[in-house]
Each structure stands twice: as structure tokens, then as C-alpha cells.
Amino acid sequence: MTKKNLMNVILILLCVFLLSCNGQQQKSNKKDNSNDTNVALVQKDYKRTERTVLGVDSLTITCLMFGVGSDKSFVIKSSNIKSVWINFHNEKERGEFSQEEINHLWYFVKLFYIDKKEKIVLNRTKRACMVSSDYPFIEVIGYKEGKEDFKKSRYIGAEVYDIEFNPKFLEFYEFLDSLVSNK
């Protein structure tokens, strides 16, 4: 094989490699709602006066919580009357939540995402070395009249930073986990 042919082969292989890497990146960017993720989906409809106070009329909260023994996957649907969660592992489990639990959930959402009275992250310090892990994830989406009003995402950890979270935000995270752990 001549030097020119060898260079052409190397160039073609390089192009194939770069294109395959780009394809993998696009696949990993797609949202995955498979059974190995924990999903908390919360929907809440308020009366017209309460909607004005909160600024949104429904929520979707997605939580990916990776446990020691197993991961949890669940849906929580809330309304003025009752709340129900459904396990995604085809177990069709249902549990109802008290009005107090629903109000507590909205307290945290209002505190961090609507009124923004509290910061989620208090301090970030760069680490000397990277720590790779499956960090828990929370995404809150607020809807007004069926249209997305806000969307905020947060990993509970970072590979290159030590993060000091607001203790109230950590309480919110633990509360979300407890909503199905206690059922």
C-alpha cells in the first residue's frame, strides 16, 4: 500500500470515528424514561385564586434517585382532591398522599423555583481530583395554562466541584424520596 493510500484510509477511519462519536452523543442527550430511572411526576391544579398566588397551575417534578440496593421509578399525580403515585416497574402500585404532603411539596417548589427566596447552592469549591458517580437529579417544570412557564434542573453533586447545598434544598430532596419510600 502506498503512502497516499494509507493516508486516505487513515482519513476515512478518522471521519467514521468522529461521526460515530457524534451519533453516540446525540443518543445520550435524549431523555430516557426507562425502568432504571426514578421519575416523580407531580401534577397539581389549584383554584383560580391560588394559581394567581403561585404563578403556575401545574408542575412536573422529575427525580432520578440512585439507591444502594435498587433504583426507584415512580409517578406522583396530585390534584386538589388526592395524590397518587404509580410504580414504573409494572407493579401498578398506588398510594395516596395527604393534603399536608401536597402542601409541603408546593412549599418547597415555591421557595426555590417560583419566589426564589432561597438559593439552592450556597458554595462551590473546585476539587483537586475528579469524582465520578451517578449523582441524583431533580428537574422542576412549572406550567401556566398548559404552557411551560419555567424549567429548572439540578444534579445533587458534581464531578469536579464540592458543592454546599442549602439544607432546605436537601430537605426537599429527602422529602421527594420519602414520598414513595413511606408508601
N, C-alpha and C. Protein backbone atom coordinates (compact mmCIF):
# COMPACT_ATOMS: atom_id res chain seq x y z
N MET A 1 0.85 -1.17 0.00
CA MET A 1 0.00 0.00 0.00
C MET A 1 0.90 1.23 0.00
N THR A 2 0.57 2.18 -0.83
CA THR A 2 1.37 3.38 -0.94
C THR A 2 1.06 4.31 0.23
N LYS A 3 1.94 5.28 0.39
CA LYS A 3 1.79 6.25 1.47
C LYS A 3 0.51 7.06 1.30
N LYS A 4 0.17 7.40 0.05
CA LYS A 4 -1.04 8.18 -0.23
C LYS A 4 -2.30 7.38 0.11
N ASN A 5 -2.31 6.09 -0.27
CA ASN A 5 -3.46 5.22 0.06
C ASN A 5 -3.60 5.05 1.57
N LEU A 6 -2.49 4.89 2.24
CA LEU A 6 -2.51 4.74 3.70
C LEU A 6 -3.09 5.99 4.36
N MET A 7 -2.71 7.15 3.89
CA MET A 7 -3.24 8.41 4.43
C MET A 7 -4.75 8.51 4.18
N ASN A 8 -5.20 8.09 2.99
CA ASN A 8 -6.63 8.11 2.68
C ASN A 8 -7.41 7.18 3.62
N VAL A 9 -6.88 5.99 3.87
CA VAL A 9 -7.53 5.04 4.77
C VAL A 9 -7.61 5.61 6.18
N ILE A 10 -6.52 6.20 6.64
CA ILE A 10 -6.50 6.81 7.98
C ILE A 10 -7.50 7.95 8.06
N LEU A 11 -7.57 8.76 7.03
CA LEU A 11 -8.52 9.87 6.99
C LEU A 11 -9.97 9.37 7.02
N ILE A 12 -10.26 8.32 6.27
CA ILE A 12 -11.61 7.75 6.26
C ILE A 12 -11.95 7.17 7.63
N LEU A 13 -11.03 6.44 8.23
CA LEU A 13 -11.27 5.88 9.56
C LEU A 13 -11.49 6.98 10.60
N LEU A 14 -10.74 8.05 10.49
CA LEU A 14 -10.91 9.18 11.41
C LEU A 14 -12.30 9.80 11.26
N CYS A 15 -12.75 9.97 10.00
CA CYS A 15 -14.10 10.52 9.76
C CYS A 15 -15.17 9.60 10.32
N VAL A 16 -15.04 8.29 10.10
CA VAL A 16 -16.01 7.33 10.63
C VAL A 16 -16.03 7.39 12.15
N PHE A 17 -14.87 7.45 12.76
CA PHE A 17 -14.78 7.52 14.22
C PHE A 17 -15.46 8.78 14.75
N LEU A 18 -15.19 9.93 14.15
CA LEU A 18 -15.79 11.18 14.61
C LEU A 18 -17.30 11.17 14.43
N LEU A 19 -17.77 10.64 13.32
CA LEU A 19 -19.22 10.57 13.09
C LEU A 19 -19.89 9.63 14.07
N SER A 20 -19.24 8.52 14.40
CA SER A 20 -19.85 7.58 15.36
C SER A 20 -19.87 8.18 16.76
N CYS A 21 -18.86 8.94 17.13
CA CYS A 21 -18.86 9.61 18.44
C CYS A 21 -19.98 10.63 18.51
N ASN A 22 -20.19 11.38 17.45
CA ASN A 22 -21.27 12.37 17.41
C ASN A 22 -22.63 11.69 17.54
N GLY A 23 -22.81 10.55 16.88
CA GLY A 23 -24.06 9.81 16.97
C GLY A 23 -24.33 9.31 18.38
N GLN A 24 -23.28 8.85 19.08
CA GLN A 24 -23.43 8.40 20.46
C GLN A 24 -23.80 9.55 21.37
N GLN A 25 -23.21 10.72 21.13
CA GLN A 25 -23.51 11.90 21.95
C GLN A 25 -24.97 12.30 21.77
N GLN A 26 -25.48 12.26 20.55
CA GLN A 26 -26.87 12.62 20.30
C GLN A 26 -27.81 11.64 20.98
N LYS A 27 -27.46 10.34 20.98
CA LYS A 27 -28.29 9.34 21.66
C LYS A 27 -28.31 9.58 23.15
N SER A 28 -27.15 9.92 23.74
CA SER A 28 -27.09 10.12 25.18
C SER A 28 -27.79 11.39 25.62
N ASN A 29 -27.97 12.36 24.72
CA ASN A 29 -28.66 13.60 25.07
C ASN A 29 -30.17 13.44 25.10
N LYS A 30 -30.71 12.37 24.50
CA LYS A 30 -32.15 12.15 24.50
C LYS A 30 -32.58 11.75 25.90
N LYS A 31 -33.79 12.17 26.31
CA LYS A 31 -34.32 11.81 27.61
C LYS A 31 -34.71 10.34 27.59
N ASP A 32 -34.39 9.65 28.68
CA ASP A 32 -34.69 8.23 28.80
C ASP A 32 -35.60 8.04 30.00
N ASN A 33 -36.80 7.56 29.75
CA ASN A 33 -37.75 7.30 30.82
C ASN A 33 -37.87 5.80 31.06
N SER A 34 -36.76 5.06 30.97
CA SER A 34 -36.80 3.62 31.14
C SER A 34 -36.92 3.26 32.62
N ASN A 35 -37.04 1.97 32.88
CA ASN A 35 -37.28 1.50 34.24
C ASN A 35 -36.11 1.73 35.18
N ASP A 36 -34.92 1.98 34.67
CA ASP A 36 -33.79 2.16 35.58
C ASP A 36 -33.63 3.61 36.01
N THR A 37 -34.60 4.44 35.78
CA THR A 37 -34.58 5.82 36.27
C THR A 37 -35.70 6.01 37.25
N ASN A 38 -35.51 6.97 38.14
CA ASN A 38 -36.55 7.31 39.10
C ASN A 38 -37.25 8.54 38.61
N VAL A 39 -38.52 8.46 38.41
CA VAL A 39 -39.25 9.59 37.88
C VAL A 39 -40.38 9.93 38.81
N ALA A 40 -40.37 11.14 39.30
CA ALA A 40 -41.51 11.62 40.08
C ALA A 40 -42.21 12.65 39.22
N LEU A 41 -43.42 12.41 38.89
CA LEU A 41 -44.19 13.32 38.05
C LEU A 41 -45.31 13.85 38.91
N VAL A 42 -45.30 15.15 39.12
CA VAL A 42 -46.28 15.74 40.02
C VAL A 42 -47.13 16.72 39.25
N GLN A 43 -48.41 16.54 39.28
CA GLN A 43 -49.35 17.44 38.63
C GLN A 43 -50.26 17.99 39.71
N LYS A 44 -50.47 19.30 39.74
CA LYS A 44 -51.31 19.92 40.76
C LYS A 44 -52.12 21.02 40.13
N ASP A 45 -53.45 20.97 40.26
CA ASP A 45 -54.32 22.02 39.77
C ASP A 45 -54.89 22.78 40.95
N TYR A 46 -54.72 24.08 40.97
CA TYR A 46 -55.23 24.92 42.05
C TYR A 46 -56.42 25.72 41.56
N LYS A 47 -57.20 26.21 42.50
CA LYS A 47 -58.29 27.12 42.18
C LYS A 47 -57.70 28.38 41.57
N ARG A 48 -58.51 29.16 40.88
CA ARG A 48 -58.03 30.35 40.17
C ARG A 48 -57.28 31.31 41.09
N THR A 49 -57.76 31.53 42.32
CA THR A 49 -57.08 32.47 43.23
C THR A 49 -55.72 31.94 43.64
N GLU A 50 -55.60 30.63 43.87
CA GLU A 50 -54.32 30.05 44.25
C GLU A 50 -53.34 30.07 43.08
N ARG A 51 -53.84 29.92 41.87
CA ARG A 51 -52.97 29.99 40.68
C ARG A 51 -52.32 31.36 40.59
N THR A 52 -53.07 32.40 40.89
CA THR A 52 -52.54 33.76 40.83
C THR A 52 -51.42 33.93 41.85
N VAL A 53 -51.59 33.36 43.04
CA VAL A 53 -50.58 33.48 44.09
C VAL A 53 -49.30 32.76 43.68
N LEU A 54 -49.42 31.52 43.16
CA LEU A 54 -48.25 30.74 42.81
C LEU A 54 -47.67 31.10 41.45
N GLY A 55 -48.47 31.59 40.54
CA GLY A 55 -47.99 31.94 39.22
C GLY A 55 -47.99 30.78 38.25
N VAL A 56 -48.21 29.56 38.72
CA VAL A 56 -48.32 28.38 37.86
C VAL A 56 -49.52 27.57 38.31
N ASP A 57 -50.06 26.76 37.40
CA ASP A 57 -51.22 25.96 37.77
C ASP A 57 -50.95 24.46 37.83
N SER A 58 -49.77 24.02 37.37
CA SER A 58 -49.39 22.62 37.50
C SER A 58 -47.88 22.48 37.44
N LEU A 59 -47.40 21.33 37.89
CA LEU A 59 -45.96 21.05 37.95
C LEU A 59 -45.66 19.68 37.41
N THR A 60 -44.45 19.53 36.92
CA THR A 60 -43.86 18.22 36.68
C THR A 60 -42.52 18.22 37.40
N ILE A 61 -42.34 17.28 38.31
CA ILE A 61 -41.07 17.16 39.02
C ILE A 61 -40.49 15.79 38.67
N THR A 62 -39.32 15.79 38.08
CA THR A 62 -38.63 14.56 37.71
C THR A 62 -37.47 14.36 38.67
N CYS A 63 -37.42 13.20 39.31
CA CYS A 63 -36.34 12.88 40.24
C CYS A 63 -35.68 11.59 39.81
N LEU A 64 -34.38 11.62 39.67
CA LEU A 64 -33.61 10.42 39.41
C LEU A 64 -32.80 10.16 40.67
N MET A 65 -33.21 9.17 41.44
CA MET A 65 -32.55 8.87 42.72
C MET A 65 -31.96 7.48 42.63
N PHE A 66 -30.66 7.38 42.69
CA PHE A 66 -29.99 6.11 42.55
C PHE A 66 -29.71 5.54 43.93
N GLY A 67 -30.35 4.42 44.25
CA GLY A 67 -30.23 3.84 45.59
C GLY A 67 -29.14 2.81 45.68
N VAL A 68 -28.82 2.43 46.91
CA VAL A 68 -27.79 1.44 47.16
C VAL A 68 -28.25 0.07 46.66
N GLY A 69 -29.45 -0.36 47.07
CA GLY A 69 -29.94 -1.67 46.69
C GLY A 69 -30.67 -1.68 45.37
N SER A 70 -31.45 -0.65 45.15
CA SER A 70 -32.22 -0.59 43.91
C SER A 70 -32.61 0.85 43.63
N ASP A 71 -32.94 1.10 42.39
CA ASP A 71 -33.40 2.42 41.99
C ASP A 71 -34.91 2.45 42.09
N LYS A 72 -35.46 3.63 42.28
CA LYS A 72 -36.91 3.78 42.35
C LYS A 72 -37.39 4.47 41.09
N SER A 73 -38.53 4.04 40.60
CA SER A 73 -39.18 4.70 39.47
C SER A 73 -40.63 4.89 39.87
N PHE A 74 -41.11 6.11 39.81
CA PHE A 74 -42.47 6.35 40.24
C PHE A 74 -43.05 7.60 39.62
N VAL A 75 -44.36 7.69 39.64
CA VAL A 75 -45.09 8.87 39.18
C VAL A 75 -45.98 9.31 40.32
N ILE A 76 -46.00 10.59 40.58
CA ILE A 76 -46.92 11.15 41.57
C ILE A 76 -47.81 12.14 40.83
N LYS A 77 -49.10 11.94 40.93
CA LYS A 77 -50.06 12.88 40.34
C LYS A 77 -50.86 13.48 41.47
N SER A 78 -50.88 14.80 41.54
CA SER A 78 -51.58 15.48 42.62
C SER A 78 -52.69 16.35 42.06
N SER A 79 -53.78 16.40 42.78
CA SER A 79 -54.87 17.31 42.46
C SER A 79 -55.40 17.85 43.78
N ASN A 80 -56.39 18.71 43.72
CA ASN A 80 -56.96 19.25 44.95
C ASN A 80 -57.57 18.16 45.80
N ILE A 81 -57.99 17.06 45.20
CA ILE A 81 -58.70 16.01 45.92
C ILE A 81 -57.74 14.97 46.48
N LYS A 82 -56.87 14.41 45.65
CA LYS A 82 -55.96 13.38 46.13
C LYS A 82 -54.70 13.33 45.27
N SER A 83 -53.71 12.61 45.77
CA SER A 83 -52.47 12.38 45.04
C SER A 83 -52.26 10.88 44.91
N VAL A 84 -51.71 10.47 43.80
CA VAL A 84 -51.49 9.05 43.55
C VAL A 84 -50.10 8.89 42.96
N TRP A 85 -49.38 7.86 43.38
CA TRP A 85 -48.12 7.54 42.71
C TRP A 85 -48.23 6.16 42.11
N ILE A 86 -47.55 5.98 40.98
CA ILE A 86 -47.60 4.72 40.24
C ILE A 86 -46.17 4.26 40.01
N ASN A 87 -45.87 3.03 40.40
CA ASN A 87 -44.55 2.46 40.21
C ASN A 87 -44.37 2.09 38.74
N PHE A 88 -43.24 2.45 38.13
CA PHE A 88 -42.98 2.19 36.72
C PHE A 88 -42.47 0.77 36.44
N HIS A 89 -42.25 -0.02 37.48
CA HIS A 89 -41.72 -1.37 37.27
C HIS A 89 -42.85 -2.36 37.01
N ASN A 90 -43.91 -1.90 36.36
CA ASN A 90 -45.07 -2.72 36.01
C ASN A 90 -45.74 -3.34 37.23
N GLU A 91 -45.55 -2.77 38.39
CA GLU A 91 -46.16 -3.30 39.60
C GLU A 91 -47.49 -2.62 39.90
N LYS A 92 -47.78 -1.52 39.24
CA LYS A 92 -49.03 -0.79 39.37
C LYS A 92 -49.41 -0.51 40.82
N GLU A 93 -48.43 -0.17 41.61
CA GLU A 93 -48.70 0.18 42.99
C GLU A 93 -49.28 1.58 43.06
N ARG A 94 -50.17 1.78 43.99
CA ARG A 94 -50.77 3.10 44.16
C ARG A 94 -50.76 3.46 45.63
N GLY A 95 -50.55 4.70 45.90
CA GLY A 95 -50.61 5.21 47.26
C GLY A 95 -51.12 6.63 47.23
N GLU A 96 -51.86 6.99 48.21
CA GLU A 96 -52.40 8.35 48.25
C GLU A 96 -51.59 9.18 49.23
N PHE A 97 -51.53 10.48 48.96
CA PHE A 97 -50.81 11.41 49.80
C PHE A 97 -51.78 12.32 50.52
N SER A 98 -51.37 12.73 51.69
CA SER A 98 -52.22 13.64 52.47
C SER A 98 -52.14 15.05 51.89
N GLN A 99 -53.11 15.86 52.24
CA GLN A 99 -53.09 17.26 51.81
C GLN A 99 -51.86 17.96 52.40
N GLU A 100 -51.45 17.53 53.59
CA GLU A 100 -50.25 18.10 54.22
C GLU A 100 -49.00 17.83 53.38
N GLU A 101 -48.88 16.61 52.84
CA GLU A 101 -47.74 16.28 51.99
C GLU A 101 -47.77 17.10 50.70
N ILE A 102 -48.94 17.26 50.11
CA ILE A 102 -49.06 18.06 48.89
C ILE A 102 -48.68 19.52 49.17
N ASN A 103 -49.16 20.06 50.27
CA ASN A 103 -48.83 21.44 50.64
C ASN A 103 -47.34 21.60 50.90
N HIS A 104 -46.71 20.59 51.53
CA HIS A 104 -45.27 20.63 51.81
C HIS A 104 -44.48 20.64 50.50
N LEU A 105 -44.91 19.84 49.54
CA LEU A 105 -44.27 19.82 48.23
C LEU A 105 -44.33 21.19 47.58
N TRP A 106 -45.51 21.82 47.58
CA TRP A 106 -45.66 23.14 46.97
C TRP A 106 -44.89 24.21 47.74
N TYR A 107 -44.73 24.04 49.04
CA TYR A 107 -43.92 24.97 49.83
C TYR A 107 -42.49 25.01 49.28
N PHE A 108 -41.90 23.83 49.07
CA PHE A 108 -40.53 23.77 48.55
C PHE A 108 -40.43 24.32 47.13
N VAL A 109 -41.37 23.98 46.28
CA VAL A 109 -41.34 24.47 44.89
C VAL A 109 -41.43 25.99 44.87
N LYS A 110 -42.32 26.52 45.67
CA LYS A 110 -42.47 27.98 45.74
C LYS A 110 -41.19 28.64 46.27
N LEU A 111 -40.60 28.03 47.31
CA LEU A 111 -39.41 28.58 47.95
C LEU A 111 -38.22 28.66 46.99
N PHE A 112 -37.97 27.59 46.22
CA PHE A 112 -36.77 27.52 45.38
C PHE A 112 -36.99 27.88 43.91
N TYR A 113 -38.19 27.67 43.39
CA TYR A 113 -38.38 27.80 41.94
C TYR A 113 -39.31 28.92 41.53
N ILE A 114 -40.27 29.28 42.36
CA ILE A 114 -41.22 30.32 41.98
C ILE A 114 -40.81 31.66 42.58
N ASP A 115 -40.78 31.76 43.92
CA ASP A 115 -40.38 33.01 44.57
C ASP A 115 -38.87 33.17 44.62
N LYS A 116 -38.14 32.06 44.58
CA LYS A 116 -36.67 32.04 44.64
C LYS A 116 -36.15 32.79 45.86
N LYS A 117 -36.80 32.56 47.02
CA LYS A 117 -36.39 33.21 48.26
C LYS A 117 -35.12 32.59 48.83
N GLU A 118 -34.83 31.36 48.46
CA GLU A 118 -33.66 30.66 48.95
C GLU A 118 -32.80 30.21 47.77
N LYS A 119 -31.47 30.26 47.96
CA LYS A 119 -30.56 29.72 46.96
C LYS A 119 -30.49 28.21 47.12
N ILE A 120 -30.32 27.52 46.01
CA ILE A 120 -30.15 26.07 46.06
C ILE A 120 -28.71 25.74 46.42
N VAL A 121 -27.75 26.38 45.76
CA VAL A 121 -26.32 26.16 46.01
C VAL A 121 -25.78 27.33 46.82
N LEU A 122 -25.16 27.00 47.96
CA LEU A 122 -24.57 28.03 48.80
C LEU A 122 -23.11 28.29 48.46
N ASN A 123 -22.38 27.23 48.04
CA ASN A 123 -20.96 27.38 47.76
C ASN A 123 -20.49 26.25 46.84
N ARG A 124 -19.56 26.60 45.91
CA ARG A 124 -18.93 25.62 45.03
C ARG A 124 -17.42 25.78 45.14
N THR A 125 -16.72 24.68 45.40
CA THR A 125 -15.28 24.69 45.51
C THR A 125 -14.70 23.65 44.55
N LYS A 126 -13.74 24.07 43.72
CA LYS A 126 -13.13 23.14 42.76
C LYS A 126 -12.32 22.08 43.51
N ARG A 127 -12.52 20.82 43.11
CA ARG A 127 -11.80 19.70 43.71
C ARG A 127 -10.42 19.55 43.10
N ALA A 128 -9.53 18.93 43.85
CA ALA A 128 -8.20 18.64 43.34
C ALA A 128 -8.26 17.49 42.32
N CYS A 129 -9.21 16.57 42.52
CA CYS A 129 -9.36 15.47 41.57
C CYS A 129 -10.84 15.24 41.29
N MET A 130 -11.11 14.61 40.16
CA MET A 130 -12.48 14.39 39.73
C MET A 130 -13.05 13.16 40.43
N VAL A 131 -14.32 13.25 40.84
CA VAL A 131 -15.03 12.12 41.45
C VAL A 131 -16.23 11.81 40.57
N SER A 132 -16.19 10.66 39.93
CA SER A 132 -17.26 10.28 39.01
C SER A 132 -18.28 9.42 39.73
N SER A 133 -19.56 9.73 39.52
CA SER A 133 -20.63 8.99 40.18
C SER A 133 -21.94 9.22 39.44
N ASP A 134 -22.96 8.46 39.81
CA ASP A 134 -24.32 8.71 39.33
C ASP A 134 -24.98 9.63 40.33
N TYR A 135 -24.91 10.92 40.08
CA TYR A 135 -25.46 11.90 41.01
C TYR A 135 -26.97 11.99 40.84
N PRO A 136 -27.71 12.06 41.95
CA PRO A 136 -29.16 12.24 41.84
C PRO A 136 -29.48 13.53 41.08
N PHE A 137 -30.68 13.58 40.51
CA PHE A 137 -31.08 14.66 39.62
C PHE A 137 -32.51 15.07 39.93
N ILE A 138 -32.77 16.37 39.95
CA ILE A 138 -34.13 16.90 40.12
C ILE A 138 -34.38 17.92 39.02
N GLU A 139 -35.53 17.79 38.36
CA GLU A 139 -35.96 18.78 37.37
C GLU A 139 -37.38 19.20 37.72
N VAL A 140 -37.61 20.50 37.81
CA VAL A 140 -38.94 21.03 38.12
C VAL A 140 -39.40 21.88 36.94
N ILE A 141 -40.58 21.56 36.42
CA ILE A 141 -41.18 22.32 35.33
C ILE A 141 -42.52 22.85 35.81
N GLY A 142 -42.70 24.16 35.71
CA GLY A 142 -43.97 24.79 36.08
C GLY A 142 -44.75 25.16 34.83
N TYR A 143 -46.06 24.93 34.87
CA TYR A 143 -46.92 25.22 33.72
C TYR A 143 -47.96 26.25 34.10
N LYS A 144 -48.24 27.14 33.18
CA LYS A 144 -49.30 28.13 33.33
C LYS A 144 -50.23 27.97 32.14
N GLU A 145 -51.49 27.63 32.42
CA GLU A 145 -52.50 27.41 31.38
C GLU A 145 -52.01 26.42 30.31
N GLY A 146 -51.35 25.35 30.76
CA GLY A 146 -50.90 24.29 29.87
C GLY A 146 -49.60 24.55 29.15
N LYS A 147 -49.01 25.73 29.30
CA LYS A 147 -47.74 26.05 28.63
C LYS A 147 -46.62 26.13 29.66
N GLU A 148 -45.44 25.66 29.25
CA GLU A 148 -44.28 25.67 30.14
C GLU A 148 -43.92 27.10 30.52
N ASP A 149 -43.87 27.36 31.83
CA ASP A 149 -43.54 28.69 32.34
C ASP A 149 -42.08 28.76 32.78
N PHE A 150 -41.61 27.70 33.44
CA PHE A 150 -40.20 27.63 33.82
C PHE A 150 -39.75 26.18 33.86
N LYS A 151 -38.44 25.99 33.72
CA LYS A 151 -37.84 24.65 33.76
C LYS A 151 -36.47 24.79 34.40
N LYS A 152 -36.28 24.15 35.55
CA LYS A 152 -35.01 24.22 36.27
C LYS A 152 -34.53 22.81 36.59
N SER A 153 -33.26 22.54 36.32
CA SER A 153 -32.66 21.23 36.58
C SER A 153 -31.47 21.38 37.50
N ARG A 154 -31.21 20.34 38.31
CA ARG A 154 -30.09 20.39 39.24
C ARG A 154 -29.63 18.96 39.55
N TYR A 155 -28.33 18.70 39.38
CA TYR A 155 -27.74 17.47 39.87
C TYR A 155 -27.36 17.68 41.32
N ILE A 156 -27.51 16.65 42.14
CA ILE A 156 -27.15 16.73 43.55
C ILE A 156 -25.71 16.22 43.66
N GLY A 157 -24.79 17.01 43.14
CA GLY A 157 -23.38 16.67 43.13
C GLY A 157 -22.76 17.09 41.81
N ALA A 158 -21.44 17.07 41.76
CA ALA A 158 -20.71 17.41 40.53
C ALA A 158 -19.36 16.71 40.56
N GLU A 159 -18.86 16.35 39.39
CA GLU A 159 -17.62 15.60 39.31
C GLU A 159 -16.40 16.41 39.70
N VAL A 160 -16.36 17.69 39.39
CA VAL A 160 -15.16 18.48 39.64
C VAL A 160 -15.33 19.53 40.73
N TYR A 161 -16.50 19.56 41.40
CA TYR A 161 -16.74 20.55 42.45
C TYR A 161 -17.29 19.89 43.71
N ASP A 162 -16.88 20.40 44.85
CA ASP A 162 -17.57 20.12 46.10
C ASP A 162 -18.64 21.18 46.20
N ILE A 163 -19.88 20.75 46.36
CA ILE A 163 -20.99 21.70 46.38
C ILE A 163 -21.64 21.68 47.75
N GLU A 164 -21.81 22.86 48.31
CA GLU A 164 -22.55 23.00 49.56
C GLU A 164 -23.96 23.43 49.19
N PHE A 165 -24.91 22.52 49.42
CA PHE A 165 -26.31 22.80 49.12
C PHE A 165 -26.99 23.41 50.33
N ASN A 166 -27.99 24.21 50.06
CA ASN A 166 -28.84 24.77 51.10
C ASN A 166 -29.48 23.60 51.85
N PRO A 167 -29.40 23.58 53.18
CA PRO A 167 -30.02 22.49 53.94
C PRO A 167 -31.52 22.32 53.64
N LYS A 168 -32.20 23.41 53.33
CA LYS A 168 -33.62 23.31 52.99
C LYS A 168 -33.82 22.60 51.65
N PHE A 169 -32.87 22.79 50.70
CA PHE A 169 -32.97 22.09 49.43
C PHE A 169 -32.72 20.60 49.63
N LEU A 170 -31.77 20.25 50.48
CA LEU A 170 -31.53 18.84 50.78
C LEU A 170 -32.75 18.23 51.47
N GLU A 171 -33.43 19.02 52.28
CA GLU A 171 -34.68 18.57 52.91
C GLU A 171 -35.74 18.30 51.83
N PHE A 172 -35.80 19.16 50.82
CA PHE A 172 -36.72 18.98 49.69
C PHE A 172 -36.41 17.68 48.97
N TYR A 173 -35.13 17.42 48.69
CA TYR A 173 -34.71 16.19 48.02
C TYR A 173 -35.11 14.96 48.85
N GLU A 174 -34.83 14.99 50.14
CA GLU A 174 -35.18 13.88 51.03
C GLU A 174 -36.70 13.71 51.12
N PHE A 175 -37.43 14.81 51.10
CA PHE A 175 -38.89 14.75 51.13
C PHE A 175 -39.43 14.04 49.88
N LEU A 176 -38.88 14.38 48.70
CA LEU A 176 -39.31 13.71 47.47
C LEU A 176 -39.07 12.21 47.55
N ASP A 177 -37.91 11.83 48.06
CA ASP A 177 -37.59 10.41 48.21
C ASP A 177 -38.55 9.74 49.20
N SER A 178 -38.88 10.44 50.27
CA SER A 178 -39.76 9.86 51.29
C SER A 178 -41.20 9.71 50.81
N LEU A 179 -41.61 10.48 49.83
CA LEU A 179 -42.99 10.38 49.35
C LEU A 179 -43.34 8.97 48.90
N VAL A 180 -42.39 8.27 48.30
CA VAL A 180 -42.66 6.90 47.88
C VAL A 180 -42.01 5.87 48.78
N SER A 181 -40.95 6.23 49.48
CA SER A 181 -40.31 5.29 50.38
C SER A 181 -41.24 4.89 51.52
N ASN A 182 -42.09 5.81 51.93
CA ASN A 182 -43.00 5.56 53.05
C ASN A 182 -44.30 4.90 52.62
N LYS A 183 -44.52 4.72 51.35
CA LYS A 183 -45.80 4.16 50.87
C LYS A 183 -45.73 2.67 50.78
